[in-house]
Amino acid sequence: MSVKSTVLEILESSRHADVSGEYIAAMMGVSRNSVWKAIKSLRQDGYNICSSTNKGYRLSPDCDIISAEGISVNTQMKIPVYAYKTTDSTNMRAKCFLAEKTCDRALFVAEEQTLGRGRMGKDFYSPYGTGIYMSYVFSPNTEITNAVTITAAAAVAVVCALEKLCGISPMIKWVNDIYLDGKKLCGILTEAVTNYETGIVSHIIIGIGINFSTVRFPENIRDTACSLPSAVAVTRNELIGAISDNLYSISNDLEDRSYFEIYRDRMLVIGKDIVYYQNGKPHYAYAVDVDSSGGLIVSDSDGNVKTLRSGEITLRTR
């Protein structure tokens, strides 16, 4: 790691205490001038670093820049992190990476996406500096039938992190959108790299977009999207780290379906009237339950029961 990168990691891990330049220099085995140059460069990058005579340096509480260093100090399960200021989409960065290299696990994050994508080919609004845009990659090397529940697992990973760190109670709108107070807070797009001859899934990419502190939304989603409450005292690096750890734990054993109780318990649509779409046509039904594979069990007006495995649904009123 460079001096600048190491200094940033030290500052991120010591957010609640001043760290002297002398201590940093001694810890790294470099001169205090090298530390000062690193601090200067970080400030030029936009980091708000407070300094006090005889005390040292500290990141300002309002400094919330996504970085590999900031994420690393907030994760238990250490994996490679690739951070971008701006990219087309983190899922696309992950795909390009996998086309050239193989990896067991990796995380791709960005401050902004210019071509953010959601499910069903929809755009995902990804403005600079106010959201979390991340793609978690892991290598299950398993049959596709064993990987189908990862979409539900990803939703649980996000919900549990939000509950623990933010003190909120988000819900899951089938399949895996995360809602807060009736509005969309987070979207999840899961993609698989599969060998169609063997049916083996070599890699799974879980793309997650969270409206962290976004205030202004495009007109088409202004009434349906939301961000985290302003009172939430957590950094984006902390939340990314918690989600990453949850994904690591869940994806480590795809046969363990214990998270399904959480998925079912947090399901927003169970017991409600919905509209689901097939071949572009709306169908009216009642959401009964979710099965052990994450399928949504619905009943139509004639009492016919079926299980939805994919698609788009909306809530409706009678």
Protein backbone atom coordinates (compact mmCIF):
# COMPACT_ATOMS: atom_id res chain seq x y z
CA MET A 1 0.00 0.00 0.00
CA SER A 2 1.12 3.57 -0.68
CA VAL A 3 1.76 6.03 2.14
CA LYS A 4 -1.40 7.92 1.14
CA SER A 5 -3.52 4.78 1.17
CA THR A 6 -2.17 3.66 4.55
CA VAL A 7 -2.72 7.11 6.09
CA LEU A 8 -6.32 7.06 4.86
CA GLU A 9 -6.87 3.62 6.36
CA ILE A 10 -5.49 4.83 9.71
CA LEU A 11 -7.75 7.88 9.67
CA GLU A 12 -10.79 5.77 8.74
CA SER A 13 -10.11 3.35 11.58
CA SER A 14 -9.66 6.22 14.08
CA ARG A 15 -12.69 8.37 13.28
CA HIS A 16 -13.46 9.10 16.92
CA ALA A 17 -9.95 10.07 18.01
CA ASP A 18 -7.14 12.37 16.90
CA VAL A 19 -4.06 10.63 15.51
CA SER A 20 -0.75 12.47 15.64
CA GLY A 21 1.45 12.75 12.59
CA GLU A 22 4.33 11.48 14.71
CA TYR A 23 2.38 8.35 15.62
CA ILE A 24 1.39 7.72 12.01
CA ALA A 25 4.98 8.20 10.83
CA ALA A 26 6.37 5.85 13.49
CA MET A 27 3.69 3.26 12.77
CA MET A 28 4.49 3.30 9.06
CA GLY A 29 8.24 3.77 9.33
CA VAL A 30 8.24 6.94 7.22
CA SER A 31 9.03 10.60 7.83
CA ARG A 32 6.48 13.07 9.21
CA ASN A 33 6.94 15.03 5.98
CA SER A 34 5.71 11.98 4.03
CA VAL A 35 2.64 11.86 6.28
CA TRP A 36 2.01 15.58 5.75
CA LYS A 37 2.23 15.15 1.97
CA ALA A 38 -0.27 12.28 2.16
CA ILE A 39 -2.65 14.43 4.24
CA LYS A 40 -2.32 17.27 1.73
CA SER A 41 -3.08 14.94 -1.18
CA LEU A 42 -6.12 13.49 0.60
CA ARG A 43 -7.46 16.98 1.22
CA GLN A 44 -7.04 17.72 -2.48
CA ASP A 45 -9.12 14.60 -3.16
CA GLY A 46 -11.96 16.08 -1.11
CA TYR A 47 -11.32 14.57 2.33
CA ASN A 48 -12.20 16.97 5.15
CA ILE A 49 -9.36 16.33 7.58
CA CYS A 50 -9.30 18.35 10.78
CA SER A 51 -5.96 19.09 12.42
CA SER A 52 -5.11 20.43 15.87
CA THR A 53 -1.77 21.43 17.35
CA ASN A 54 -0.45 18.80 19.75
CA LYS A 55 -3.37 16.52 18.89
CA GLY A 56 -3.04 15.45 15.29
CA TYR A 57 -5.44 14.60 12.50
CA ARG A 58 -8.99 13.37 12.34
CA LEU A 59 -11.57 12.86 9.59
CA SER A 60 -14.47 15.27 9.98
CA PRO A 61 -17.74 13.54 10.96
CA ASP A 62 -19.35 14.86 7.77
CA CYS A 63 -16.62 13.39 5.57
CA ASP A 64 -18.26 10.48 3.77
CA ILE A 65 -16.24 9.41 0.73
CA ILE A 66 -16.41 5.81 -0.45
CA SER A 67 -12.99 4.17 -0.58
CA ALA A 68 -11.40 0.75 -0.51
CA GLU A 69 -9.56 1.78 2.67
CA GLY A 70 -12.72 2.95 4.41
CA ILE A 71 -14.55 -0.24 3.53
CA SER A 72 -11.63 -2.45 4.54
CA VAL A 73 -11.57 -1.18 8.13
CA ASN A 74 -15.31 -1.83 8.39
CA THR A 75 -15.31 -5.48 7.30
CA GLN A 76 -14.50 -8.65 9.16
CA MET A 77 -14.18 -10.76 6.02
CA LYS A 78 -11.38 -9.15 4.02
CA ILE A 79 -11.83 -9.30 0.24
CA PRO A 80 -10.38 -7.22 -2.62
CA VAL A 81 -12.19 -3.89 -3.05
CA TYR A 82 -12.15 -1.87 -6.28
CA ALA A 83 -13.41 1.70 -5.82
CA TYR A 84 -14.29 4.17 -8.58
CA LYS A 85 -15.30 7.81 -8.57
CA THR A 86 -17.45 7.31 -11.65
CA THR A 87 -18.23 4.20 -13.68
CA ASP A 88 -20.90 2.96 -16.07
CA SER A 89 -22.16 0.38 -13.57
CA THR A 90 -20.48 -1.65 -10.87
CA ASN A 91 -22.00 -4.85 -12.27
CA MET A 92 -20.37 -4.03 -15.61
CA ARG A 93 -17.02 -3.41 -13.88
CA ALA A 94 -17.36 -6.81 -12.23
CA LYS A 95 -18.12 -8.50 -15.56
CA CYS A 96 -15.15 -6.86 -17.25
CA PHE A 97 -12.94 -7.93 -14.36
CA LEU A 98 -14.13 -11.54 -14.57
CA ALA A 99 -13.52 -11.59 -18.33
CA GLU A 100 -9.81 -11.06 -17.64
CA LYS A 101 -9.27 -12.67 -14.26
CA THR A 102 -10.71 -15.26 -11.94
CA CYS A 103 -11.43 -14.55 -8.31
CA ASP A 104 -13.09 -16.17 -5.34
CA ARG A 105 -14.64 -12.94 -4.06
CA ALA A 106 -14.38 -9.24 -4.83
CA LEU A 107 -16.28 -6.02 -4.24
CA PHE A 108 -16.77 -3.17 -6.72
CA VAL A 109 -18.03 0.22 -5.50
CA ALA A 110 -18.57 3.65 -7.03
CA GLU A 111 -19.54 7.19 -6.07
CA GLU A 112 -21.58 7.47 -9.27
CA GLN A 113 -22.98 5.27 -12.04
CA THR A 114 -23.67 6.72 -15.47
CA LEU A 115 -25.52 3.61 -16.66
CA GLY A 116 -26.90 2.17 -13.44
CA ARG A 117 -29.28 -0.70 -14.11
CA GLY A 118 -32.06 -2.32 -12.15
CA ARG A 119 -34.23 -5.38 -12.73
CA MET A 120 -36.30 -5.81 -15.89
CA GLY A 121 -33.92 -3.55 -17.84
CA LYS A 122 -34.87 -0.44 -15.87
CA ASP A 123 -32.45 2.40 -15.14
CA PHE A 124 -31.27 2.96 -11.58
CA TYR A 125 -30.75 6.61 -10.67
CA SER A 126 -27.17 6.86 -9.39
CA PRO A 127 -26.12 10.47 -8.68
CA TYR A 128 -22.64 11.33 -7.43
CA GLY A 129 -21.88 11.22 -3.73
CA THR A 130 -25.32 10.44 -2.30
CA GLY A 131 -25.80 6.73 -2.87
CA ILE A 132 -24.26 3.33 -2.38
CA TYR A 133 -23.55 1.53 -5.64
CA MET A 134 -21.84 -1.80 -5.06
CA SER A 135 -21.43 -5.19 -6.71
CA TYR A 136 -20.40 -8.22 -4.69
CA VAL A 137 -18.86 -11.10 -6.64
CA PHE A 138 -18.38 -14.64 -5.42
CA SER A 139 -17.62 -17.99 -6.97
CA PRO A 140 -20.06 -20.73 -5.89
CA ASN A 141 -19.13 -23.26 -8.60
CA THR A 142 -22.46 -24.93 -8.10
CA GLU A 143 -25.46 -26.01 -10.15
CA ILE A 144 -27.92 -23.30 -11.07
CA THR A 145 -30.62 -24.95 -8.93
CA ASN A 146 -28.50 -24.32 -5.84
CA ALA A 147 -28.01 -20.64 -6.69
CA VAL A 148 -31.59 -19.53 -7.34
CA THR A 149 -32.17 -18.39 -3.77
CA ILE A 150 -29.28 -15.93 -3.75
CA THR A 151 -31.66 -13.14 -4.76
CA ALA A 152 -33.59 -13.60 -1.52
CA ALA A 153 -30.34 -13.96 0.40
CA ALA A 154 -29.08 -10.64 -0.95
CA ALA A 155 -32.24 -8.87 0.19
CA VAL A 156 -31.83 -10.31 3.69
CA ALA A 157 -28.17 -9.24 3.79
CA VAL A 158 -29.15 -5.65 3.05
CA VAL A 159 -32.14 -5.55 5.40
CA CYS A 160 -30.17 -6.94 8.34
CA ALA A 161 -27.35 -4.41 7.83
CA LEU A 162 -29.83 -1.53 7.64
CA GLU A 163 -31.62 -2.67 10.78
CA LYS A 164 -28.41 -3.08 12.78
CA LEU A 165 -26.55 0.07 11.74
CA CYS A 166 -29.37 2.49 10.95
CA GLY A 167 -32.03 1.49 13.46
CA ILE A 168 -34.76 1.36 10.83
CA SER A 169 -37.27 -1.34 9.86
CA PRO A 170 -37.13 -1.83 6.09
CA MET A 171 -39.34 -4.31 4.26
CA ILE A 172 -38.81 -6.45 1.14
CA LYS A 173 -41.05 -6.06 -1.88
CA TRP A 174 -40.86 -9.28 -3.86
CA VAL A 175 -38.50 -10.17 -5.39
CA ASN A 176 -35.82 -8.09 -3.68
CA ASP A 177 -36.54 -4.37 -3.65
CA ILE A 178 -36.06 -2.82 -0.21
CA TYR A 179 -38.77 -0.41 0.96
CA LEU A 180 -38.97 2.04 3.83
CA ASP A 181 -42.27 3.63 4.83
CA GLY A 182 -43.88 2.57 1.56
CA LYS A 183 -41.15 3.92 -0.74
CA LYS A 184 -38.23 2.27 -2.51
CA LEU A 185 -34.92 2.66 -0.70
CA CYS A 186 -32.81 0.02 -2.46
CA GLY A 187 -32.75 -2.06 -5.62
CA ILE A 188 -30.88 -5.32 -6.15
CA LEU A 189 -29.82 -6.90 -9.45
CA THR A 190 -28.40 -10.42 -9.37
CA GLU A 191 -26.59 -11.82 -12.41
CA ALA A 192 -24.88 -15.17 -12.93
CA VAL A 193 -21.97 -16.31 -15.08
CA THR A 194 -22.91 -19.84 -16.13
CA ASN A 195 -21.42 -22.61 -18.26
CA TYR A 196 -24.50 -23.73 -20.20
CA GLU A 197 -22.93 -27.07 -21.18
CA THR A 198 -22.34 -28.13 -17.59
CA GLY A 199 -25.01 -26.01 -15.92
CA ILE A 200 -22.43 -24.85 -13.37
CA VAL A 201 -22.55 -21.27 -12.08
CA SER A 202 -18.97 -20.04 -11.91
CA HIS A 203 -19.67 -16.55 -10.56
CA ILE A 204 -22.60 -14.59 -9.17
CA ILE A 205 -22.70 -10.80 -9.24
CA ILE A 206 -24.97 -9.08 -6.73
CA GLY A 207 -25.52 -5.43 -7.64
CA ILE A 208 -26.95 -3.24 -4.88
CA GLY A 209 -28.04 0.39 -5.15
CA ILE A 210 -29.13 2.31 -2.05
CA ASN A 211 -30.47 5.86 -1.96
CA PHE A 212 -28.30 6.80 1.00
CA SER A 213 -28.76 10.58 1.23
CA THR A 214 -30.25 11.50 -2.13
CA VAL A 215 -32.63 14.45 -1.85
CA ARG A 216 -33.60 15.20 -5.44
CA PHE A 217 -35.03 12.40 -7.57
CA PRO A 218 -36.13 12.44 -11.23
CA GLU A 219 -39.80 13.23 -11.74
CA ASN A 220 -40.71 9.65 -12.70
CA ILE A 221 -39.63 8.28 -9.29
CA ARG A 222 -40.03 11.38 -7.11
CA ASP A 223 -43.12 10.03 -5.37
CA THR A 224 -41.96 6.41 -5.04
CA ALA A 225 -38.30 6.65 -3.95
CA CYS A 226 -36.77 7.55 -0.60
CA SER A 227 -33.43 7.80 1.20
CA LEU A 228 -32.28 6.96 4.71
CA PRO A 229 -33.53 9.27 7.48
CA SER A 230 -31.20 12.26 7.94
CA ALA A 231 -30.72 11.36 11.61
CA VAL A 232 -28.95 8.10 10.72
CA ALA A 233 -25.36 8.39 11.98
CA VAL A 234 -23.49 5.93 9.81
CA THR A 235 -21.04 6.34 6.94
CA ARG A 236 -21.47 4.71 3.57
CA ASN A 237 -18.23 2.79 4.10
CA GLU A 238 -19.62 1.35 7.34
CA LEU A 239 -22.85 0.26 5.69
CA ILE A 240 -21.06 -1.22 2.68
CA GLY A 241 -18.79 -3.14 5.04
CA ALA A 242 -21.73 -4.56 7.00
CA ILE A 243 -23.59 -5.60 3.83
CA SER A 244 -20.41 -7.18 2.45
CA ASP A 245 -19.92 -9.22 5.62
CA ASN A 246 -23.54 -10.39 5.52
CA LEU A 247 -23.19 -11.40 1.87
CA TYR A 248 -19.99 -13.27 2.68
CA SER A 249 -21.69 -15.19 5.46
CA ILE A 250 -24.81 -16.08 3.49
CA SER A 251 -23.02 -16.96 0.26
CA ASN A 252 -20.52 -19.14 2.11
CA ASP A 253 -23.13 -21.90 2.37
CA LEU A 254 -25.91 -21.72 -0.22
CA GLU A 255 -27.53 -24.84 1.19
CA ASP A 256 -28.20 -23.12 4.51
CA ARG A 257 -31.64 -21.53 4.08
CA SER A 258 -32.00 -20.23 7.63
CA TYR A 259 -32.26 -16.66 6.30
CA PHE A 260 -35.57 -17.54 4.65
CA GLU A 261 -37.47 -16.90 7.86
CA ILE A 262 -36.17 -13.34 7.81
CA TYR A 263 -37.04 -13.03 4.12
CA ARG A 264 -40.61 -14.19 4.75
CA ASP A 265 -40.99 -12.12 7.91
CA ARG A 266 -39.90 -8.91 6.15
CA MET A 267 -42.00 -9.54 3.01
CA LEU A 268 -44.05 -6.45 2.26
CA VAL A 269 -46.66 -8.03 -0.03
CA ILE A 270 -47.86 -11.12 1.84
CA GLY A 271 -51.55 -10.80 2.66
CA LYS A 272 -52.09 -8.01 0.15
CA ASP A 273 -53.67 -7.58 -3.26
CA ILE A 274 -51.17 -7.29 -6.09
CA VAL A 275 -50.85 -6.98 -9.83
CA TYR A 276 -48.29 -9.20 -11.54
CA TYR A 277 -47.25 -8.97 -15.15
CA GLN A 278 -46.68 -11.77 -17.65
CA ASN A 279 -45.98 -11.13 -21.33
CA GLY A 280 -46.77 -7.50 -20.70
CA LYS A 281 -50.28 -8.23 -19.43
CA PRO A 282 -51.48 -7.43 -15.90
CA HIS A 283 -52.99 -10.14 -13.72
CA TYR A 284 -54.77 -9.46 -10.43
CA ALA A 285 -54.10 -11.71 -7.47
CA TYR A 286 -53.66 -12.04 -3.72
CA ALA A 287 -50.16 -12.70 -2.30
CA VAL A 288 -50.42 -15.77 -0.07
CA ASP A 289 -46.84 -16.61 0.91
CA VAL A 290 -43.31 -17.26 -0.35
CA ASP A 291 -42.06 -20.80 -0.78
CA SER A 292 -38.68 -22.25 0.24
CA SER A 293 -37.11 -21.16 -3.06
CA GLY A 294 -38.28 -17.56 -2.87
CA GLY A 295 -41.23 -17.99 -5.24
CA LEU A 296 -44.29 -15.88 -4.53
CA ILE A 297 -47.44 -17.95 -4.03
CA VAL A 298 -50.50 -16.09 -5.30
CA SER A 299 -54.21 -16.79 -5.62
CA ASP A 300 -56.42 -15.24 -8.31
CA SER A 301 -60.05 -14.18 -7.99
CA ASP A 302 -61.20 -17.70 -8.94
CA GLY A 303 -59.14 -19.29 -6.19
CA ASN A 304 -56.49 -20.67 -8.56
CA VAL A 305 -53.09 -20.85 -6.88
CA LYS A 306 -49.77 -20.50 -8.66
CA THR A 307 -46.18 -19.65 -7.78
CA LEU A 308 -44.35 -16.76 -9.43
CA ARG A 309 -40.64 -17.34 -10.01
CA SER A 310 -39.78 -14.03 -11.65
CA GLY A 311 -41.36 -10.87 -12.91
CA GLU A 312 -42.62 -7.54 -11.65
CA ILE A 313 -45.43 -6.90 -9.20
CA THR A 314 -47.17 -3.86 -7.75
CA LEU A 315 -49.45 -3.44 -4.79
CA ARG A 316 -53.06 -2.49 -5.45
CA THR A 317 -56.13 -1.44 -3.52
CA ARG A 318 -59.49 -3.11 -3.91
